[in-house]
Amino acid sequence: MSYSELQNGSDIRGIALENETGEKVNLTDKAACDLAAAFVKWISEKSGKTDIRIAIGRDSRLTGESLLAASAKGIISENGKAFDLGLASTPAMFMSTVLGENPYDGSIMITASHLPWYRNGMKFFIARGGLEKNEIKEIAAIADGIAAEGRESKEYAAPEKASFMDTYTGYLRSKIVDACGKGDKPLEGLHIVVDAGNGAGGFFVRDVLEKLGADTAGSQFLEPDGHFPNHIPNPENKDAAEAIKVATVNSKADLGIIFDTDVDRAGAVLPDGKTLTRNDLIAALASIALNSNPGTTIVTDSVTSDGLARFIKSKGGVHKRFKRGYRNVIDEAIRLNESGTDSQLAIETSGHGAFKENYFLDDGAYLMVKLLIEMGKGNNIASLISGLEEPAESVELRFHVGDVPDLQANGDRILKALEDAASSVEGWSLEKENYEGVRVNCDASHGNGWLLLRKSLHEPIMPLNIESDTKGGALIIAKALYGIIAEEKTLDLTPIKDFCNC
């Protein structure tokens, strides 16, 4: 097997434990060892340095400790120095390359985010941020070369134990204290509950909220448990969203916070049970960004609502709806700034969000820090999204693609056919500024909303998003689309047939 098969965009992902699906284990200790060794070689080649220091952290997954140990072995085999930071968050691992008296040359986070317990992965960081897709490809190729050498297996010294979470959480606390200007307990009198989903996010209660004076009674699932026994650690999961909503309302808390496994994503709940995820979370954070940076551009992914676009415009901001994928929105915001257009916030509807002021790092904890600052100042979080128009209906359907010779070319063909057909459908018009798939606007008489059909970033599927500002509008839009794609043989159209009752 080539290690390139483990590449998933800008990450490494694989099956790390035998499981009920029968999928073969491919992210082995040997794989982690070779990939970590390749990371050392890659940094050395790019920087010219020979004394390479690499920090390694992990989330609560069952295979985290063994993969961390294997990664350390690979680092040491290439004459690098390995440092075991233990249980950590993904954002903290990036920060280990820029904070502290002696930042590391690179870092590795052992995580597969919200994926099932039997999966795991590796994220790689240097001081300018997470490695890009092409850089992961380079590391996989180097790792293939290391594997081909057939190195003799031998014992290496254990990595040096090191602490960094204190530095990282101190950084988060300082942001709140400095912004609120109310002494070292700016959250005193506030009741905040956290659901960490048995991932790595429990630190936020102990080392941020409580140290700043907040009451955290009612917080739940803070203990790390790689079986994830309570719910999937994913703010977008329905069970997870309901769990933090119930905890917030029952505790009569001022705010509820939920993190994914490795804390690079987050969501929130208001005292009345109103959730801040997707468009709502983006609106709240966009308001904060625009209050301090009038006129800035907010970069989002492609499936954000028209109501959000109008909201950002009403606040004096510019909304750029870009491609799906958190790296895509972050990279576009960075590109805008480099070209002279101010962009303070890049955020995806999944909860991945990054502020320019924070290294454009997608950090769920930092997003919550921005909300807590508002609360510490005495501001009402609900007021941040006042005026945001919610769609009457929002639907996502996913069409699985059959066995085709070229997945990307097949997707392009389907999108081109939809684009050509859309101009002849009454009440439809193509979105002029669109960067992904085909987005169609539907007038008030023909669904009063929009649809977006696109290719998936990593899977053999084509997702369809439909929004309407009128009850029943999504069905009108879906039926019109089905009339166009009904004869497409490479897609499993069952989802839209069921939705339309066709």
Protein backbone atom coordinates (compact mmCIF):
# COMPACT_ATOMS: atom_id res chain seq x y z
CA MET A 1 0.00 0.00 0.00
CA SER A 2 1.17 3.50 -0.79
CA TYR A 3 0.76 5.91 2.10
CA SER A 4 -0.94 8.28 -0.35
CA GLU A 5 -4.02 6.08 0.12
CA LEU A 6 -4.25 7.44 3.67
CA GLN A 7 -4.36 11.04 2.50
CA ASN A 8 -7.69 12.80 3.05
CA GLY A 9 -7.23 16.34 1.79
CA SER A 10 -4.78 18.04 4.13
CA ASP A 11 -4.93 15.23 6.72
CA ILE A 12 -4.00 11.59 7.09
CA ARG A 13 -7.01 9.40 7.96
CA GLY A 14 -7.42 5.66 8.23
CA ILE A 15 -8.82 2.61 9.99
CA ALA A 16 -6.84 2.15 13.20
CA LEU A 17 -8.77 -0.67 14.90
CA GLU A 18 -10.63 -3.77 13.78
CA ASN A 19 -14.36 -3.10 13.86
CA GLU A 20 -17.77 -4.40 12.96
CA THR A 21 -17.62 -2.96 9.43
CA GLY A 22 -14.89 -5.43 8.46
CA GLU A 23 -12.77 -2.63 7.01
CA LYS A 24 -9.08 -3.52 7.07
CA VAL A 25 -6.77 -1.69 9.45
CA ASN A 26 -4.49 0.56 7.40
CA LEU A 27 -3.38 3.28 9.82
CA THR A 28 -0.96 1.03 11.67
CA ASP A 29 1.82 1.90 14.11
CA LYS A 30 4.24 1.27 11.24
CA ALA A 31 2.39 3.79 9.07
CA ALA A 32 2.47 6.44 11.82
CA CYS A 33 6.18 5.78 12.36
CA ASP A 34 7.05 6.17 8.67
CA LEU A 35 4.89 9.26 8.18
CA ALA A 36 6.33 10.99 11.25
CA ALA A 37 9.86 10.17 10.06
CA ALA A 38 8.94 11.63 6.66
CA PHE A 39 7.71 14.81 8.36
CA VAL A 40 11.14 15.29 9.95
CA LYS A 41 12.86 14.76 6.59
CA TRP A 42 10.43 17.16 4.90
CA ILE A 43 11.02 19.93 7.47
CA SER A 44 14.77 19.42 7.26
CA GLU A 45 14.72 19.63 3.45
CA LYS A 46 12.54 22.76 3.46
CA SER A 47 14.34 24.59 6.28
CA GLY A 48 17.90 23.35 6.04
CA LYS A 49 17.83 22.62 9.77
CA THR A 50 19.17 19.39 11.19
CA ASP A 51 18.15 19.72 14.83
CA ILE A 52 14.40 19.22 14.37
CA ARG A 53 12.06 19.36 17.40
CA ILE A 54 8.57 17.89 16.92
CA ALA A 55 5.69 17.97 19.42
CA ILE A 56 3.05 15.22 19.34
CA GLY A 57 -0.40 15.35 20.90
CA ARG A 58 -3.52 13.21 20.76
CA ASP A 59 -7.23 13.27 21.46
CA SER A 60 -9.12 10.63 23.46
CA ARG A 61 -9.24 7.95 20.78
CA LEU A 62 -8.43 4.38 21.79
CA THR A 63 -5.42 4.18 19.47
CA GLY A 64 -4.08 7.63 20.35
CA GLU A 65 -1.36 6.54 22.74
CA SER A 66 0.03 3.78 20.51
CA LEU A 67 0.06 5.97 17.39
CA LEU A 68 1.70 8.77 19.37
CA ALA A 69 4.43 6.40 20.55
CA ALA A 70 4.93 5.10 17.01
CA SER A 71 5.15 8.67 15.67
CA ALA A 72 7.79 9.48 18.28
CA LYS A 73 9.78 6.43 17.18
CA GLY A 74 9.71 7.67 13.59
CA ILE A 75 10.83 11.16 14.59
CA ILE A 76 13.74 9.82 16.63
CA SER A 77 14.72 7.39 13.85
CA GLU A 78 15.38 10.46 11.67
CA ASN A 79 17.48 12.06 14.42
CA GLY A 80 14.70 14.43 15.38
CA LYS A 81 13.67 15.19 18.94
CA ALA A 82 10.19 14.05 19.91
CA PHE A 83 8.09 15.62 22.67
CA ASP A 84 4.97 13.93 24.03
CA LEU A 85 2.38 16.61 24.89
CA GLY A 86 -0.24 14.01 25.84
CA LEU A 87 -3.96 14.77 25.62
CA ALA A 88 -4.34 17.99 23.64
CA SER A 89 -6.53 19.82 21.15
CA THR A 90 -5.68 20.25 17.50
CA PRO A 91 -5.50 24.08 17.79
CA ALA A 92 -3.15 23.76 20.77
CA MET A 93 -0.82 21.59 18.69
CA PHE A 94 -0.55 24.30 16.07
CA MET A 95 0.02 26.88 18.80
CA SER A 96 2.96 24.83 20.07
CA THR A 97 4.82 25.98 16.94
CA VAL A 98 4.31 29.71 17.65
CA LEU A 99 3.83 30.17 21.43
CA GLY A 100 6.18 29.73 24.36
CA GLU A 101 9.85 30.41 24.94
CA ASN A 102 11.05 27.81 22.43
CA PRO A 103 8.35 26.92 19.89
CA TYR A 104 8.63 23.56 18.16
CA ASP A 105 9.73 23.22 14.53
CA GLY A 106 6.62 21.20 13.82
CA SER A 107 3.82 19.30 15.50
CA ILE A 108 1.63 16.29 14.88
CA MET A 109 -1.89 15.83 16.22
CA ILE A 110 -3.21 12.27 16.39
CA THR A 111 -6.94 12.66 15.68
CA ALA A 112 -9.74 11.77 13.31
CA SER A 113 -12.01 14.56 14.55
CA HIS A 114 -15.64 13.35 14.87
CA LEU A 115 -15.23 10.13 12.88
CA PRO A 116 -16.11 6.75 14.46
CA TRP A 117 -14.04 5.34 17.34
CA TYR A 118 -12.16 2.84 15.17
CA ARG A 119 -10.69 5.53 12.90
CA ASN A 120 -7.76 7.81 13.58
CA GLY A 121 -5.50 10.18 11.73
CA MET A 122 -2.62 12.65 11.76
CA LYS A 123 -2.57 16.41 11.26
CA PHE A 124 0.75 18.17 10.62
CA PHE A 125 1.63 21.76 11.54
CA ILE A 126 4.50 24.20 11.15
CA ALA A 127 4.61 27.84 12.26
CA ARG A 128 2.72 29.13 9.20
CA GLY A 129 -0.18 26.73 9.79
CA GLY A 130 -1.44 23.30 8.84
CA LEU A 131 0.19 21.61 5.89
CA GLU A 132 -1.57 21.88 2.55
CA LYS A 133 -2.85 19.02 0.42
CA ASN A 134 0.18 19.01 -1.88
CA GLU A 135 2.53 19.00 1.13
CA ILE A 136 0.80 15.97 2.65
CA LYS A 137 1.26 14.30 -0.73
CA GLU A 138 4.99 15.03 -0.55
CA ILE A 139 5.23 13.58 2.97
CA ALA A 140 3.36 10.44 1.90
CA ALA A 141 5.83 9.97 -0.96
CA ILE A 142 8.80 10.37 1.40
CA ALA A 143 7.19 7.86 3.77
CA ASP A 144 6.82 5.40 0.89
CA GLY A 145 10.57 5.72 0.32
CA ILE A 146 11.30 5.11 3.99
CA ALA A 147 9.09 2.02 3.96
CA ALA A 148 10.82 0.74 0.82
CA GLU A 149 14.20 0.93 2.58
CA GLY A 150 13.02 -1.87 4.86
CA ARG A 151 14.77 -0.42 7.87
CA GLU A 152 15.69 -2.81 10.61
CA SER A 153 13.28 -2.53 13.51
CA LYS A 154 14.97 -1.41 16.69
CA GLU A 155 14.20 0.24 19.98
CA TYR A 156 14.51 3.99 20.40
CA ALA A 157 14.45 6.17 23.49
CA ALA A 158 11.00 7.25 24.59
CA PRO A 159 9.90 10.79 23.69
CA GLU A 160 10.41 13.50 26.25
CA LYS A 161 7.26 14.32 28.21
CA ALA A 162 6.36 17.99 27.91
CA SER A 163 3.51 20.30 28.94
CA PHE A 164 1.92 22.85 26.66
CA MET A 165 -1.80 23.04 27.46
CA ASP A 166 -1.07 25.44 30.33
CA THR A 167 0.57 27.81 27.85
CA TYR A 168 -2.30 27.50 25.39
CA THR A 169 -5.08 27.96 27.96
CA GLY A 170 -3.20 30.90 29.46
CA TYR A 171 -3.26 32.46 26.00
CA LEU A 172 -7.05 31.97 25.77
CA ARG A 173 -7.64 33.39 29.25
CA SER A 174 -5.50 36.44 28.51
CA LYS A 175 -7.62 37.23 25.45
CA ILE A 176 -10.77 37.35 27.61
CA VAL A 177 -9.19 39.22 30.52
CA ASP A 178 -7.56 41.85 28.30
CA ALA A 179 -10.69 42.43 26.21
CA CYS A 180 -13.09 42.66 29.15
CA GLY A 181 -10.89 44.90 31.32
CA LYS A 182 -12.60 43.78 34.53
CA GLY A 183 -9.77 42.11 36.41
CA ASP A 184 -8.84 38.45 36.48
CA LYS A 185 -12.41 37.10 36.99
CA PRO A 186 -14.35 38.67 34.09
CA LEU A 187 -16.79 35.74 33.85
CA GLU A 188 -17.85 35.87 37.49
CA GLY A 189 -21.64 35.71 37.77
CA LEU A 190 -22.01 33.85 34.45
CA HIS A 191 -23.18 30.25 34.22
CA ILE A 192 -21.59 28.38 31.31
CA VAL A 193 -22.05 24.66 30.61
CA VAL A 194 -19.83 22.61 28.30
CA ASP A 195 -20.35 19.30 26.52
CA ALA A 196 -16.98 17.86 25.47
CA GLY A 197 -18.43 14.64 24.03
CA ASN A 198 -15.76 12.62 25.89
CA GLY A 199 -13.17 14.11 23.59
CA ALA A 200 -10.27 16.41 24.43
CA GLY A 201 -12.28 19.54 25.29
CA GLY A 202 -12.72 19.10 29.05
CA PHE A 203 -9.78 21.43 29.64
CA PHE A 204 -11.96 24.39 28.68
CA VAL A 205 -14.01 24.01 31.85
CA ARG A 206 -11.09 23.54 34.26
CA ASP A 207 -8.48 25.80 32.74
CA VAL A 208 -10.46 28.60 31.09
CA LEU A 209 -14.00 29.04 32.44
CA GLU A 210 -13.50 28.20 36.11
CA LYS A 211 -10.23 30.13 36.36
CA LEU A 212 -12.07 33.18 35.02
CA GLY A 213 -14.83 32.87 37.62
CA ALA A 214 -17.61 31.16 35.66
CA ASP A 215 -20.05 28.70 37.22
CA THR A 216 -19.81 25.49 35.14
CA ALA A 217 -22.32 23.29 37.01
CA GLY A 218 -24.18 21.05 34.58
CA SER A 219 -21.24 20.54 32.23
CA GLN A 220 -21.13 17.00 30.89
CA PHE A 221 -19.05 14.32 29.19
CA LEU A 222 -15.78 16.03 30.12
CA GLU A 223 -13.84 12.82 30.80
CA PRO A 224 -11.89 11.48 27.82
CA ASP A 225 -13.31 8.19 26.55
CA GLY A 226 -12.40 6.93 23.10
CA HIS A 227 -15.55 4.83 22.87
CA PHE A 228 -17.59 8.07 22.82
CA PRO A 229 -20.35 6.41 24.88
CA ASN A 230 -22.78 9.34 25.12
CA HIS A 231 -23.02 10.77 21.64
CA ILE A 232 -20.92 11.42 18.56
CA PRO A 233 -18.59 14.33 19.44
CA ASN A 234 -19.82 16.52 16.60
CA PRO A 235 -21.71 19.83 17.06
CA GLU A 236 -23.72 19.08 13.91
CA ASN A 237 -24.92 15.67 15.11
CA LYS A 238 -28.61 15.76 16.13
CA ASP A 239 -28.12 13.76 19.32
CA ALA A 240 -25.14 15.88 20.34
CA ALA A 241 -27.01 19.11 19.61
CA GLU A 242 -29.98 17.92 21.66
CA ALA A 243 -27.70 16.89 24.56
CA ILE A 244 -26.15 20.34 24.96
CA LYS A 245 -29.52 22.04 24.44
CA VAL A 246 -31.08 20.00 27.25
CA ALA A 247 -28.07 20.59 29.51
CA THR A 248 -28.19 24.35 28.90
CA VAL A 249 -31.93 24.73 29.49
CA ASN A 250 -32.04 22.39 32.51
CA SER A 251 -29.09 24.15 34.13
CA LYS A 252 -30.62 27.57 33.42
CA ALA A 253 -27.22 28.48 32.01
CA ASP A 254 -26.32 31.73 30.29
CA LEU A 255 -24.59 29.82 27.50
CA GLY A 256 -23.99 26.23 26.43
CA ILE A 257 -20.88 25.19 24.51
CA ILE A 258 -20.24 21.97 22.59
CA PHE A 259 -16.93 20.87 21.04
CA ASP A 260 -15.98 18.16 18.61
CA THR A 261 -13.37 15.57 19.61
CA ASP A 262 -10.25 17.64 18.94
CA VAL A 263 -11.80 21.08 19.63
CA ASP A 264 -11.24 22.65 16.23
CA ARG A 265 -15.04 23.02 15.87
CA ALA A 266 -17.69 24.29 18.25
CA GLY A 267 -21.30 25.26 18.60
CA ALA A 268 -23.27 27.17 21.24
CA VAL A 269 -26.73 27.28 22.81
CA LEU A 270 -28.54 30.35 24.15
CA PRO A 271 -30.49 30.26 27.45
CA ASP A 272 -33.82 29.65 25.67
CA GLY A 273 -32.42 26.62 23.82
CA LYS A 274 -31.75 28.44 20.56
CA THR A 275 -28.71 26.84 18.94
CA LEU A 276 -25.85 28.77 17.40
CA THR A 277 -24.55 26.53 14.64
CA ARG A 278 -24.18 26.86 10.89
CA ASN A 279 -25.64 30.21 9.66
CA ASP A 280 -26.48 31.40 13.21
CA LEU A 281 -22.94 30.91 14.49
CA ILE A 282 -21.49 32.55 11.41
CA ALA A 283 -23.81 35.53 11.87
CA ALA A 284 -22.83 35.99 15.53
CA LEU A 285 -19.11 35.84 14.80
CA ALA A 286 -19.47 38.03 11.70
CA SER A 287 -21.18 40.66 13.88
CA ILE A 288 -18.23 40.59 16.28
CA ALA A 289 -15.73 40.86 13.43
CA LEU A 290 -17.63 43.74 11.81
CA ASN A 291 -18.03 45.67 15.07
CA SER A 292 -14.26 45.99 15.34
CA ASN A 293 -13.44 45.94 11.61
CA PRO A 294 -16.17 47.77 9.66
CA GLY A 295 -16.50 46.72 6.05
CA THR A 296 -14.42 43.56 6.35
CA THR A 297 -15.06 40.58 4.09
CA ILE A 298 -16.47 37.43 5.67
CA VAL A 299 -15.51 34.30 3.71
CA THR A 300 -17.85 31.31 4.09
CA ASP A 301 -18.40 28.01 2.34
CA SER A 302 -20.83 27.60 -0.53
CA VAL A 303 -23.95 26.41 1.33
CA THR A 304 -24.64 29.45 3.51
CA SER A 305 -28.10 30.98 3.26
CA ASP A 306 -29.27 34.06 1.40
CA GLY A 307 -30.51 35.36 4.75
CA LEU A 308 -26.95 35.30 6.05
CA ALA A 309 -25.72 37.14 2.97
CA ARG A 310 -28.32 39.87 3.55
CA PHE A 311 -27.43 39.98 7.25
CA ILE A 312 -23.72 40.53 6.61
CA LYS A 313 -24.53 43.22 4.04
CA SER A 314 -26.87 44.94 6.51
CA LYS A 315 -24.00 45.09 9.02
CA GLY A 316 -21.83 46.86 6.45
CA GLY A 317 -19.78 43.79 5.61
CA VAL A 318 -18.97 41.94 2.40
CA HIS A 319 -19.94 38.29 2.13
CA LYS A 320 -17.86 36.03 -0.12
CA ARG A 321 -19.42 32.62 -0.54
CA PHE A 322 -16.55 30.31 -1.51
CA LYS A 323 -15.90 26.56 -1.75
CA ARG A 324 -16.69 23.90 0.84
CA GLY A 325 -13.75 22.78 2.95
CA TYR A 326 -12.32 24.68 5.88
CA ARG A 327 -8.90 24.95 4.25
CA ASN A 328 -10.53 26.46 1.17
CA VAL A 329 -12.29 29.25 3.07
CA ILE A 330 -9.22 29.98 5.20
CA ASP A 331 -6.89 30.04 2.20
CA GLU A 332 -9.27 32.36 0.34
CA ALA A 333 -9.36 34.80 3.27
CA ILE A 334 -5.56 34.74 3.41
CA ARG A 335 -5.41 35.37 -0.34
CA LEU A 336 -7.80 38.33 -0.02
CA ASN A 337 -5.66 39.91 2.68
CA GLU A 338 -2.51 39.42 0.63
CA SER A 339 -4.21 41.11 -2.33
CA GLY A 340 -5.21 44.13 -0.23
CA THR A 341 -8.80 43.22 0.73
CA ASP A 342 -9.35 43.03 4.47
CA SER A 343 -10.88 39.73 5.59
CA GLN A 344 -11.04 39.12 9.33
CA LEU A 345 -13.08 35.91 9.43
CA ALA A 346 -13.15 32.67 7.43
CA ILE A 347 -15.78 30.18 8.56
CA GLU A 348 -17.50 27.06 7.28
CA THR A 349 -21.03 25.98 8.23
CA SER A 350 -19.54 22.86 9.88
CA GLY A 351 -18.23 25.06 12.72
CA HIS A 352 -14.66 25.37 11.45
CA GLY A 353 -13.92 29.08 11.89
CA ALA A 354 -10.74 31.14 11.88
CA PHE A 355 -10.00 34.78 12.78
CA LYS A 356 -7.18 36.71 11.18
CA GLU A 357 -6.14 37.93 14.64
CA ASN A 358 -5.58 34.30 15.70
CA TYR A 359 -3.22 33.10 12.95
CA PHE A 360 -6.24 32.13 10.80
CA LEU A 361 -6.38 28.99 12.93
CA ASP A 362 -9.65 27.07 12.96
CA ASP A 363 -10.05 26.84 16.72
CA GLY A 364 -13.42 26.01 18.29
CA ALA A 365 -12.19 27.18 21.69
CA TYR A 366 -11.17 30.56 20.26
CA LEU A 367 -14.58 31.01 18.62
CA MET A 368 -16.16 30.51 22.03
CA VAL A 369 -13.65 32.95 23.55
CA LYS A 370 -15.04 35.61 21.18
CA LEU A 371 -18.58 34.95 22.46
CA LEU A 372 -17.40 34.92 26.09
CA ILE A 373 -15.72 38.29 25.62
CA GLU A 374 -19.08 39.75 24.60
CA MET A 375 -20.72 38.21 27.66
CA GLY A 376 -17.91 39.42 29.91
CA LYS A 377 -18.56 42.94 28.63
CA GLY A 378 -22.23 42.58 29.55
CA ASN A 379 -23.50 42.20 25.98
CA ASN A 380 -26.37 39.90 25.01
CA ILE A 381 -25.27 37.15 22.61
CA ALA A 382 -28.76 36.89 21.13
CA SER A 383 -28.53 40.51 20.01
CA LEU A 384 -25.59 39.60 17.77
CA ILE A 385 -27.93 37.75 15.41
CA SER A 386 -30.89 40.11 15.68
CA GLY A 387 -32.26 40.63 12.18
CA LEU A 388 -30.91 37.36 10.76
CA GLU A 389 -33.58 35.89 8.47
CA GLU A 390 -33.93 32.14 8.87
CA PRO A 391 -34.99 30.09 5.82
CA ALA A 392 -38.40 28.49 6.09
CA GLU A 393 -36.94 25.20 4.83
CA SER A 394 -33.44 23.80 4.46
CA VAL A 395 -32.76 20.39 2.91
CA GLU A 396 -29.60 18.43 2.12
CA LEU A 397 -29.73 15.33 -0.06
CA ARG A 398 -26.73 13.19 -0.96
CA PHE A 399 -26.59 11.25 -4.23
CA HIS A 400 -24.18 8.33 -4.28
CA VAL A 401 -22.24 7.97 -7.51
CA GLY A 402 -21.99 4.56 -9.14
CA ASP A 403 -18.84 2.88 -10.40
CA VAL A 404 -17.56 5.28 -13.08
CA PRO A 405 -14.13 5.40 -14.75
CA ASP A 406 -13.47 9.02 -13.74
CA LEU A 407 -15.40 10.34 -10.75
CA GLN A 408 -14.42 13.98 -11.24
CA ALA A 409 -15.11 14.01 -14.97
CA ASN A 410 -18.51 12.40 -14.39
CA GLY A 411 -19.37 15.07 -11.83
CA ASP A 412 -18.28 17.82 -14.19
CA ARG A 413 -20.50 16.37 -16.93
CA ILE A 414 -23.56 16.32 -14.67
CA LEU A 415 -22.94 19.89 -13.49
CA LYS A 416 -22.48 21.15 -17.04
CA ALA A 417 -25.77 19.53 -18.07
CA LEU A 418 -27.56 21.19 -15.14
CA GLU A 419 -25.99 24.53 -15.94
CA ASP A 420 -27.13 24.29 -19.57
CA ALA A 421 -30.66 23.21 -18.60
CA ALA A 422 -31.14 25.78 -15.84
CA SER A 423 -31.39 28.72 -18.23
CA SER A 424 -34.49 27.22 -19.84
CA VAL A 425 -36.39 26.57 -16.58
CA GLU A 426 -39.00 29.23 -15.84
CA GLY A 427 -38.18 31.24 -12.72
CA TRP A 428 -34.59 29.94 -12.49
CA SER A 429 -31.38 31.95 -12.86
CA LEU A 430 -27.77 30.94 -12.35
CA GLU A 431 -25.88 32.61 -9.49
CA LYS A 432 -23.35 34.90 -11.17
CA GLU A 433 -20.71 34.76 -8.45
CA ASN A 434 -20.27 31.07 -7.69
CA TYR A 435 -17.10 29.09 -6.95
CA GLU A 436 -18.37 25.54 -6.55
CA GLY A 437 -20.86 23.34 -8.33
CA VAL A 438 -23.98 24.89 -9.86
CA ARG A 439 -26.06 27.30 -7.76
CA VAL A 440 -29.49 28.27 -9.05
CA ASN A 441 -31.72 31.04 -7.71
CA CYS A 442 -35.46 30.30 -7.85
CA ASP A 443 -37.93 33.20 -7.87
CA ALA A 444 -40.93 33.62 -5.56
CA SER A 445 -43.28 31.77 -7.89
CA HIS A 446 -40.95 28.80 -8.35
CA GLY A 447 -39.80 27.87 -4.88
CA ASN A 448 -38.59 31.21 -3.52
CA GLY A 449 -35.06 30.04 -2.72
CA TRP A 450 -32.03 28.34 -4.23
CA LEU A 451 -30.36 25.02 -4.94
CA LEU A 452 -26.71 24.04 -5.07
CA LEU A 453 -25.50 20.78 -6.60
CA ARG A 454 -21.79 20.09 -6.20
CA LYS A 455 -19.16 17.39 -6.11
CA SER A 456 -18.00 16.07 -2.75
CA LEU A 457 -14.47 16.91 -1.69
CA HIS A 458 -13.55 13.34 -0.73
CA GLU A 459 -16.43 10.91 -1.27
CA PRO A 460 -18.17 9.35 -4.31
CA ILE A 461 -21.29 11.44 -3.74
CA MET A 462 -22.87 14.61 -5.10
CA PRO A 463 -24.55 16.67 -2.36
CA LEU A 464 -27.60 18.80 -3.08
CA ASN A 465 -28.61 21.70 -0.85
CA ILE A 466 -31.97 23.42 -1.18
CA GLU A 467 -33.26 26.40 0.79
CA SER A 468 -36.58 28.18 0.54
CA ASP A 469 -38.06 31.19 2.28
CA THR A 470 -41.54 29.70 1.82
CA LYS A 471 -43.06 26.58 3.36
CA GLY A 472 -43.35 24.01 0.60
CA GLY A 473 -40.85 25.84 -1.58
CA ALA A 474 -38.13 23.20 -1.22
CA LEU A 475 -40.46 20.60 -2.72
CA ILE A 476 -41.20 22.84 -5.70
CA ILE A 477 -37.47 23.33 -6.32
CA ALA A 478 -36.68 19.62 -5.88
CA LYS A 479 -39.39 18.56 -8.33
CA ALA A 480 -38.11 20.98 -10.95
CA LEU A 481 -34.58 19.65 -10.50
CA TYR A 482 -35.74 16.04 -10.64
CA GLY A 483 -37.33 16.78 -14.00
CA ILE A 484 -33.85 17.61 -15.27
CA ILE A 485 -31.79 14.81 -13.72
CA ALA A 486 -34.34 11.97 -13.65
CA GLU A 487 -32.57 10.05 -16.44
CA GLU A 488 -29.09 10.34 -14.94
CA LYS A 489 -27.91 6.72 -14.57
CA THR A 490 -24.68 7.29 -12.64
CA LEU A 491 -26.42 8.78 -9.58
CA ASP A 492 -28.58 7.01 -7.02
CA LEU A 493 -31.54 9.39 -7.11
CA THR A 494 -33.45 7.62 -4.33
CA PRO A 495 -33.11 10.58 -1.90
CA ILE A 496 -34.80 13.07 -4.23
CA LYS A 497 -37.40 10.51 -5.36
CA ASP A 498 -38.33 9.91 -1.74
CA PHE A 499 -38.38 13.62 -0.95
CA CYS A 500 -40.60 14.42 -3.93
CA ASN A 501 -42.62 11.21 -3.56
CA CYS A 502 -41.91 10.59 -7.23
